[in-house]
Amino acid sequence: MEAGGVVIQPVDEEDAGNELSCRRLAAVRFDRNHRLIGDLFSPAVVTDTRTVVAQNRMDMLRKQAQSLSAHQNKLEEELVKIEGLRAEK
């Protein structure tokens, strides 16, 4: 073998056919990878689990809301009575 220097390899004819398929393969991989990256960083792909609520939890929250509304109405009526008594004095 030669010591040092540049070695030039001959070009094979079948490499030309592989080069085109390699380019096509690279283009397909490029497109696939960019599509996957787009899917990964898209906000629509990942659902927000904080917005998912079970039906029994919704029923309990509705009952609590009704109870709080009734309590608020009771307190407002009591406040009106107290203001009426104060106005009379």
N, C-alpha and C. Protein backbone atom coordinates (compact mmCIF):
# COMPACT_ATOMS: atom_id res chain seq x y z
N MET A 1 0.83 -1.19 0.00
CA MET A 1 0.00 0.00 0.00
C MET A 1 0.87 1.25 0.00
N GLU A 2 0.26 2.29 -0.44
CA GLU A 2 0.96 3.56 -0.49
C GLU A 2 0.97 4.21 0.88
N ALA A 3 2.01 4.85 1.21
CA ALA A 3 2.08 5.55 2.48
C ALA A 3 1.68 6.99 2.26
N GLY A 4 0.55 7.42 2.90
CA GLY A 4 0.09 8.80 2.76
C GLY A 4 -0.51 9.05 1.39
N GLY A 5 -0.98 10.25 1.17
CA GLY A 5 -1.55 10.60 -0.12
C GLY A 5 -3.05 10.36 -0.17
N VAL A 6 -3.64 10.71 -1.28
CA VAL A 6 -5.07 10.59 -1.47
C VAL A 6 -5.35 9.39 -2.35
N VAL A 7 -6.30 8.59 -1.94
CA VAL A 7 -6.69 7.42 -2.72
C VAL A 7 -8.02 7.72 -3.38
N ILE A 8 -8.11 7.59 -4.68
CA ILE A 8 -9.35 7.83 -5.42
C ILE A 8 -9.95 6.47 -5.76
N GLN A 9 -11.21 6.30 -5.33
CA GLN A 9 -11.88 5.04 -5.60
C GLN A 9 -12.69 5.18 -6.89
N PRO A 10 -12.72 4.15 -7.69
CA PRO A 10 -13.50 4.21 -8.92
C PRO A 10 -15.00 4.21 -8.62
N VAL A 11 -15.76 4.87 -9.49
CA VAL A 11 -17.20 4.95 -9.34
C VAL A 11 -17.81 3.73 -10.00
N ASP A 12 -18.63 3.00 -9.25
CA ASP A 12 -19.32 1.84 -9.81
C ASP A 12 -20.64 2.29 -10.41
N GLU A 13 -21.07 1.60 -11.44
CA GLU A 13 -22.32 1.94 -12.10
C GLU A 13 -23.53 1.69 -11.20
N GLU A 14 -23.49 0.66 -10.37
CA GLU A 14 -24.65 0.36 -9.52
C GLU A 14 -24.80 1.37 -8.38
N ASP A 15 -23.74 2.09 -8.03
CA ASP A 15 -23.84 3.13 -7.02
C ASP A 15 -24.74 4.26 -7.48
N ALA A 16 -24.76 4.55 -8.77
CA ALA A 16 -25.60 5.63 -9.30
C ALA A 16 -27.08 5.31 -9.05
N GLY A 17 -27.47 4.06 -9.20
CA GLY A 17 -28.85 3.65 -8.93
C GLY A 17 -29.16 3.73 -7.44
N ASN A 18 -28.22 3.38 -6.60
CA ASN A 18 -28.42 3.45 -5.15
C ASN A 18 -28.49 4.89 -4.66
N GLU A 19 -27.76 5.77 -5.33
CA GLU A 19 -27.76 7.17 -4.92
C GLU A 19 -29.16 7.77 -5.04
N LEU A 20 -29.85 7.47 -6.11
CA LEU A 20 -31.20 7.98 -6.30
C LEU A 20 -32.13 7.42 -5.23
N SER A 21 -32.04 6.14 -4.96
CA SER A 21 -32.91 5.55 -3.95
C SER A 21 -32.53 6.06 -2.56
N CYS A 22 -31.26 6.33 -2.32
CA CYS A 22 -30.85 6.90 -1.04
C CYS A 22 -31.42 8.30 -0.87
N ARG A 23 -31.41 9.08 -1.95
CA ARG A 23 -31.99 10.42 -1.89
C ARG A 23 -33.48 10.35 -1.62
N ARG A 24 -34.14 9.43 -2.31
CA ARG A 24 -35.59 9.27 -2.11
C ARG A 24 -35.87 8.83 -0.68
N LEU A 25 -35.10 7.90 -0.18
CA LEU A 25 -35.26 7.42 1.19
C LEU A 25 -35.04 8.55 2.18
N ALA A 26 -34.03 9.36 1.93
CA ALA A 26 -33.76 10.50 2.81
C ALA A 26 -34.90 11.50 2.78
N ALA A 27 -35.47 11.74 1.60
CA ALA A 27 -36.60 12.67 1.49
C ALA A 27 -37.82 12.15 2.22
N VAL A 28 -38.08 10.86 2.10
CA VAL A 28 -39.23 10.26 2.79
C VAL A 28 -39.03 10.34 4.30
N ARG A 29 -37.83 10.03 4.76
CA ARG A 29 -37.55 10.12 6.20
C ARG A 29 -37.67 11.56 6.70
N PHE A 30 -37.17 12.49 5.90
CA PHE A 30 -37.25 13.91 6.26
C PHE A 30 -38.71 14.33 6.43
N ASP A 31 -39.54 13.99 5.44
CA ASP A 31 -40.97 14.34 5.52
C ASP A 31 -41.63 13.69 6.73
N ARG A 32 -41.34 12.40 6.95
CA ARG A 32 -41.93 11.69 8.09
C ARG A 32 -41.51 12.32 9.41
N ASN A 33 -40.23 12.62 9.54
CA ASN A 33 -39.73 13.19 10.79
C ASN A 33 -40.35 14.56 11.07
N HIS A 34 -40.48 15.37 10.04
CA HIS A 34 -41.08 16.69 10.25
C HIS A 34 -42.56 16.61 10.56
N ARG A 35 -43.24 15.63 9.97
CA ARG A 35 -44.65 15.42 10.31
C ARG A 35 -44.78 14.98 11.78
N LEU A 36 -43.92 14.07 12.21
CA LEU A 36 -43.95 13.61 13.60
C LEU A 36 -43.61 14.73 14.57
N ILE A 37 -42.63 15.55 14.22
CA ILE A 37 -42.27 16.68 15.07
C ILE A 37 -43.44 17.65 15.17
N GLY A 38 -44.11 17.88 14.04
CA GLY A 38 -45.30 18.74 14.05
C GLY A 38 -46.39 18.18 14.94
N ASP A 39 -46.57 16.86 14.91
CA ASP A 39 -47.58 16.23 15.77
C ASP A 39 -47.19 16.34 17.24
N LEU A 40 -45.91 16.18 17.53
CA LEU A 40 -45.46 16.25 18.92
C LEU A 40 -45.67 17.62 19.53
N PHE A 41 -45.40 18.66 18.76
CA PHE A 41 -45.49 20.01 19.30
C PHE A 41 -46.82 20.69 19.02
N SER A 42 -47.75 19.97 18.45
CA SER A 42 -49.08 20.53 18.20
C SER A 42 -49.87 20.52 19.51
N PRO A 43 -50.53 21.61 19.88
CA PRO A 43 -51.30 21.63 21.13
C PRO A 43 -52.56 20.79 21.06
N ALA A 44 -53.02 20.45 19.88
CA ALA A 44 -54.25 19.68 19.74
C ALA A 44 -54.04 18.19 20.00
N VAL A 45 -52.81 17.72 19.99
CA VAL A 45 -52.55 16.30 20.13
C VAL A 45 -52.76 15.84 21.56
N VAL A 46 -52.26 16.57 22.52
CA VAL A 46 -52.34 16.18 23.92
C VAL A 46 -53.60 16.76 24.52
N THR A 47 -54.47 15.89 25.03
CA THR A 47 -55.68 16.39 25.67
C THR A 47 -55.36 16.82 27.09
N ASP A 48 -56.00 17.85 27.53
CA ASP A 48 -55.79 18.36 28.88
C ASP A 48 -56.64 17.54 29.83
N THR A 49 -55.99 16.74 30.67
CA THR A 49 -56.74 15.85 31.57
C THR A 49 -57.41 16.62 32.70
N ARG A 50 -57.04 17.87 32.90
CA ARG A 50 -57.68 18.65 33.94
C ARG A 50 -59.11 19.00 33.58
N THR A 51 -59.47 18.95 32.31
CA THR A 51 -60.82 19.29 31.89
C THR A 51 -61.75 18.08 31.89
N VAL A 52 -61.21 16.89 32.07
CA VAL A 52 -62.02 15.68 32.08
C VAL A 52 -62.52 15.45 33.50
N VAL A 53 -63.87 15.45 33.66
CA VAL A 53 -64.47 15.28 34.98
C VAL A 53 -65.47 14.14 34.91
N ALA A 54 -65.44 13.26 35.89
CA ALA A 54 -66.37 12.12 35.93
C ALA A 54 -67.79 12.61 36.21
N GLN A 55 -68.78 11.82 35.79
CA GLN A 55 -70.18 12.21 35.94
C GLN A 55 -70.57 12.35 37.41
N ASN A 56 -70.14 11.42 38.27
CA ASN A 56 -70.50 11.52 39.70
C ASN A 56 -69.89 12.76 40.34
N ARG A 57 -68.71 13.15 39.89
CA ARG A 57 -68.09 14.38 40.40
C ARG A 57 -68.90 15.60 39.95
N MET A 58 -69.39 15.59 38.71
CA MET A 58 -70.23 16.68 38.21
C MET A 58 -71.52 16.78 39.02
N ASP A 59 -72.14 15.63 39.33
CA ASP A 59 -73.37 15.63 40.12
C ASP A 59 -73.12 16.22 41.50
N MET A 60 -72.02 15.81 42.13
CA MET A 60 -71.69 16.32 43.46
C MET A 60 -71.45 17.84 43.40
N LEU A 61 -70.75 18.31 42.38
CA LEU A 61 -70.49 19.74 42.26
C LEU A 61 -71.77 20.53 42.02
N ARG A 62 -72.72 19.96 41.26
CA ARG A 62 -74.01 20.63 41.04
C ARG A 62 -74.78 20.74 42.36
N LYS A 63 -74.77 19.67 43.15
CA LYS A 63 -75.46 19.70 44.45
C LYS A 63 -74.84 20.75 45.36
N GLN A 64 -73.51 20.82 45.36
CA GLN A 64 -72.84 21.83 46.18
C GLN A 64 -73.19 23.23 45.71
N ALA A 65 -73.27 23.43 44.41
CA ALA A 65 -73.62 24.75 43.87
C ALA A 65 -75.04 25.12 44.27
N GLN A 66 -75.97 24.18 44.21
CA GLN A 66 -77.35 24.44 44.63
C GLN A 66 -77.41 24.77 46.11
N SER A 67 -76.68 24.01 46.92
CA SER A 67 -76.65 24.25 48.36
C SER A 67 -76.09 25.63 48.67
N LEU A 68 -75.01 26.00 48.01
CA LEU A 68 -74.41 27.31 48.23
C LEU A 68 -75.34 28.44 47.77
N SER A 69 -76.04 28.23 46.67
CA SER A 69 -76.99 29.25 46.20
C SER A 69 -78.12 29.43 47.20
N ALA A 70 -78.64 28.33 47.74
CA ALA A 70 -79.71 28.41 48.74
C ALA A 70 -79.21 29.12 49.99
N HIS A 71 -78.00 28.81 50.42
CA HIS A 71 -77.43 29.45 51.61
C HIS A 71 -77.22 30.94 51.36
N GLN A 72 -76.77 31.30 50.17
CA GLN A 72 -76.58 32.71 49.82
C GLN A 72 -77.91 33.45 49.84
N ASN A 73 -78.95 32.85 49.28
CA ASN A 73 -80.27 33.48 49.29
C ASN A 73 -80.77 33.70 50.72
N LYS A 74 -80.55 32.69 51.57
CA LYS A 74 -80.97 32.79 52.98
C LYS A 74 -80.24 33.94 53.67
N LEU A 75 -78.93 34.05 53.44
CA LEU A 75 -78.15 35.12 54.06
C LEU A 75 -78.55 36.49 53.53
N GLU A 76 -78.87 36.58 52.24
CA GLU A 76 -79.30 37.86 51.67
C GLU A 76 -80.64 38.29 52.27
N GLU A 77 -81.56 37.34 52.46
CA GLU A 77 -82.85 37.65 53.09
C GLU A 77 -82.64 38.12 54.52
N GLU A 78 -81.76 37.44 55.24
CA GLU A 78 -81.47 37.83 56.62
C GLU A 78 -80.86 39.23 56.67
N LEU A 79 -80.00 39.54 55.72
CA LEU A 79 -79.38 40.86 55.64
C LEU A 79 -80.43 41.94 55.38
N VAL A 80 -81.38 41.65 54.51
CA VAL A 80 -82.46 42.61 54.22
C VAL A 80 -83.28 42.86 55.48
N LYS A 81 -83.58 41.80 56.25
CA LYS A 81 -84.35 41.95 57.49
C LYS A 81 -83.59 42.81 58.50
N ILE A 82 -82.28 42.55 58.63
CA ILE A 82 -81.47 43.31 59.59
C ILE A 82 -81.40 44.77 59.17
N GLU A 83 -81.25 45.04 57.87
CA GLU A 83 -81.21 46.42 57.40
C GLU A 83 -82.56 47.10 57.62
N GLY A 84 -83.65 46.35 57.48
CA GLY A 84 -84.99 46.90 57.73
C GLY A 84 -85.16 47.26 59.20
N LEU A 85 -84.71 46.40 60.11
CA LEU A 85 -84.80 46.67 61.54
C LEU A 85 -83.94 47.88 61.92
N ARG A 86 -82.78 47.98 61.31
CA ARG A 86 -81.89 49.10 61.60
C ARG A 86 -82.50 50.41 61.09
N ALA A 87 -83.15 50.35 59.95
CA ALA A 87 -83.77 51.56 59.39
C ALA A 87 -84.93 52.03 60.26
N GLU A 88 -85.63 51.11 60.93
CA GLU A 88 -86.75 51.47 61.80
C GLU A 88 -86.27 52.20 63.05
N LYS A 89 -85.07 51.88 63.53
CA LYS A 89 -84.56 52.50 64.75
C LYS A 89 -84.11 53.85 64.47
